[in-house]
Amino acid sequence: MRIDSFHLTKRYLKHLTALSPAKQLKVRETMRLALSDINAPSLRLHELKGEFAGTYSISAGGDLRIHFELLQQDNEFVAVLQSVGTHSQLYG
């Protein structure tokens, strides 16, 4: 799997701006790593199941997760960022 670019949804941006500045920085660092190596072990990439089937999750450190859908447009893979938050915020 690879990611060539990101698309930020309104929901994702709302969740992101609700995070502390330190967590926002961690998310930006995580997204840079995802662009260079989505399979980096620290991201703990996995496909979600159940009500989140068809989306993926990566770790932004600690309890912080980023959910996205992966779309292919021509020869480019676009990660559509759906939400970001702690495990309990996303799954609770």
C-alpha atoms as a PDB file:
ATOM      1  CA  MET A   1       0.000   0.000   0.000  1.00  0.00           C
ATOM      2  CA  ARG A   2       1.098   3.551  -0.642  1.00  0.00           C
ATOM      3  CA  ILE A   3      -0.291   7.041  -0.178  1.00  0.00           C
ATOM      4  CA  ASP A   4       0.455   9.771  -2.697  1.00  0.00           C
ATOM      5  CA  SER A   5      -1.709  12.546  -1.266  1.00  0.00           C
ATOM      6  CA  PHE A   6      -4.334  13.405   1.319  1.00  0.00           C
ATOM      7  CA  HIS A   7      -7.832  14.819   1.155  1.00  0.00           C
ATOM      8  CA  LEU A   8      -9.042  16.391   4.406  1.00  0.00           C
ATOM      9  CA  THR A   9     -12.764  16.086   5.147  1.00  0.00           C
ATOM     10  CA  LYS A  10     -14.637  18.725   7.144  1.00  0.00           C
ATOM     11  CA  ARG A  11     -15.151  16.190   9.922  1.00  0.00           C
ATOM     12  CA  TYR A  12     -11.427  15.469  10.094  1.00  0.00           C
ATOM     13  CA  LEU A  13     -10.583  19.189  10.246  1.00  0.00           C
ATOM     14  CA  LYS A  14     -13.135  19.698  13.029  1.00  0.00           C
ATOM     15  CA  HIS A  15     -11.599  16.851  15.045  1.00  0.00           C
ATOM     16  CA  LEU A  16      -8.065  18.084  14.361  1.00  0.00           C
ATOM     17  CA  THR A  17      -8.709  21.630  15.538  1.00  0.00           C
ATOM     18  CA  ALA A  18     -10.238  20.258  18.774  1.00  0.00           C
ATOM     19  CA  LEU A  19      -6.902  18.614  19.659  1.00  0.00           C
ATOM     20  CA  SER A  20      -4.226  20.298  21.731  1.00  0.00           C
ATOM     21  CA  PRO A  21      -1.391  21.981  19.806  1.00  0.00           C
ATOM     22  CA  ALA A  22       0.980  19.183  20.874  1.00  0.00           C
ATOM     23  CA  LYS A  23      -1.363  16.502  19.493  1.00  0.00           C
ATOM     24  CA  GLN A  24      -1.878  18.492  16.281  1.00  0.00           C
ATOM     25  CA  LEU A  25       1.889  18.539  15.816  1.00  0.00           C
ATOM     26  CA  LYS A  26       2.040  14.780  16.391  1.00  0.00           C
ATOM     27  CA  VAL A  27      -0.658  14.284  13.746  1.00  0.00           C
ATOM     28  CA  ARG A  28       1.275  16.397  11.205  1.00  0.00           C
ATOM     29  CA  GLU A  29       4.455  14.395  11.892  1.00  0.00           C
ATOM     30  CA  THR A  30       2.503  11.169  11.485  1.00  0.00           C
ATOM     31  CA  MET A  31       1.078  12.285   8.140  1.00  0.00           C
ATOM     32  CA  ARG A  32       4.572  13.124   6.851  1.00  0.00           C
ATOM     33  CA  LEU A  33       5.722   9.630   7.820  1.00  0.00           C
ATOM     34  CA  ALA A  34       2.645   8.083   6.178  1.00  0.00           C
ATOM     35  CA  LEU A  35       3.523   9.787   2.886  1.00  0.00           C
ATOM     36  CA  SER A  36       7.058   8.467   2.951  1.00  0.00           C
ATOM     37  CA  ASP A  37       6.330   4.976   4.377  1.00  0.00           C
ATOM     38  CA  ILE A  38       2.748   4.020   5.220  1.00  0.00           C
ATOM     39  CA  ASN A  39       4.030   0.601   6.323  1.00  0.00           C
ATOM     40  CA  ALA A  40       6.336   2.023   9.020  1.00  0.00           C
ATOM     41  CA  PRO A  41       5.848  -0.143  12.130  1.00  0.00           C
ATOM     42  CA  SER A  42       5.191   2.870  14.363  1.00  0.00           C
ATOM     43  CA  LEU A  43       2.032   3.681  12.364  1.00  0.00           C
ATOM     44  CA  ARG A  44       0.470   0.303  13.188  1.00  0.00           C
ATOM     45  CA  LEU A  45      -1.580   0.424   9.974  1.00  0.00           C
ATOM     46  CA  HIS A  46      -4.607  -1.851   9.964  1.00  0.00           C
ATOM     47  CA  GLU A  47      -7.928  -2.179   8.194  1.00  0.00           C
ATOM     48  CA  LEU A  48     -10.983  -1.619  10.356  1.00  0.00           C
ATOM     49  CA  LYS A  49     -14.003  -3.916  10.641  1.00  0.00           C
ATOM     50  CA  GLY A  50     -17.640  -3.637  11.616  1.00  0.00           C
ATOM     51  CA  GLU A  51     -19.197  -0.194  11.283  1.00  0.00           C
ATOM     52  CA  PHE A  52     -15.799   1.146  10.076  1.00  0.00           C
ATOM     53  CA  ALA A  53     -15.308  -1.542   7.393  1.00  0.00           C
ATOM     54  CA  GLY A  54     -13.550  -0.182   4.310  1.00  0.00           C
ATOM     55  CA  THR A  55     -11.441   2.284   6.272  1.00  0.00           C
ATOM     56  CA  TYR A  56      -7.980   2.113   7.790  1.00  0.00           C
ATOM     57  CA  SER A  57      -6.447   3.318  11.027  1.00  0.00           C
ATOM     58  CA  ILE A  58      -2.940   4.466  11.860  1.00  0.00           C
ATOM     59  CA  SER A  59      -1.452   5.457  15.180  1.00  0.00           C
ATOM     60  CA  ALA A  60      -0.240   9.002  15.772  1.00  0.00           C
ATOM     61  CA  GLY A  61       1.398   7.976  19.037  1.00  0.00           C
ATOM     62  CA  GLY A  62      -0.044   6.954  22.359  1.00  0.00           C
ATOM     63  CA  ASP A  63      -3.818   6.648  22.163  1.00  0.00           C
ATOM     64  CA  LEU A  64      -4.208   8.945  19.138  1.00  0.00           C
ATOM     65  CA  ARG A  65      -5.610   7.405  15.939  1.00  0.00           C
ATOM     66  CA  ILE A  66      -6.266   8.648  12.402  1.00  0.00           C
ATOM     67  CA  HIS A  67      -8.988   7.024  10.277  1.00  0.00           C
ATOM     68  CA  PHE A  68      -8.927   7.215   6.503  1.00  0.00           C
ATOM     69  CA  GLU A  69     -10.354   5.709   3.356  1.00  0.00           C
ATOM     70  CA  LEU A  70      -7.977   4.902   0.503  1.00  0.00           C
ATOM     71  CA  LEU A  71      -9.095   5.789  -3.025  1.00  0.00           C
ATOM     72  CA  GLN A  72      -7.298   5.285  -6.311  1.00  0.00           C
ATOM     73  CA  GLN A  73      -7.589   8.120  -8.819  1.00  0.00           C
ATOM     74  CA  ASP A  74      -5.791   7.263 -12.039  1.00  0.00           C
ATOM     75  CA  ASN A  75      -2.364   6.110 -10.816  1.00  0.00           C
ATOM     76  CA  GLU A  76      -2.484   8.027  -7.543  1.00  0.00           C
ATOM     77  CA  PHE A  77      -3.591   6.737  -4.135  1.00  0.00           C
ATOM     78  CA  VAL A  78      -5.449   9.352  -2.092  1.00  0.00           C
ATOM     79  CA  ALA A  79      -6.039   8.942   1.638  1.00  0.00           C
ATOM     80  CA  VAL A  80      -9.337  10.606   2.487  1.00  0.00           C
ATOM     81  CA  LEU A  81      -8.876  11.532   6.140  1.00  0.00           C
ATOM     82  CA  GLN A  82     -12.140  10.865   7.965  1.00  0.00           C
ATOM     83  CA  SER A  83     -11.426  11.467  11.655  1.00  0.00           C
ATOM     84  CA  VAL A  84      -8.722  11.840  14.277  1.00  0.00           C
ATOM     85  CA  GLY A  85      -8.893  11.375  18.022  1.00  0.00           C
ATOM     86  CA  THR A  86      -8.246   9.090  20.929  1.00  0.00           C
ATOM     87  CA  HIS A  87      -9.354   5.487  20.891  1.00  0.00           C
ATOM     88  CA  SER A  88     -12.329   6.260  23.144  1.00  0.00           C
ATOM     89  CA  GLN A  89     -13.374   9.291  21.045  1.00  0.00           C
ATOM     90  CA  LEU A  90     -13.371   7.283  17.821  1.00  0.00           C
ATOM     91  CA  TYR A  91     -14.740   3.970  19.068  1.00  0.00           C
ATOM     92  CA  GLY A  92     -16.696   5.033  22.175  1.00  0.00           C
END
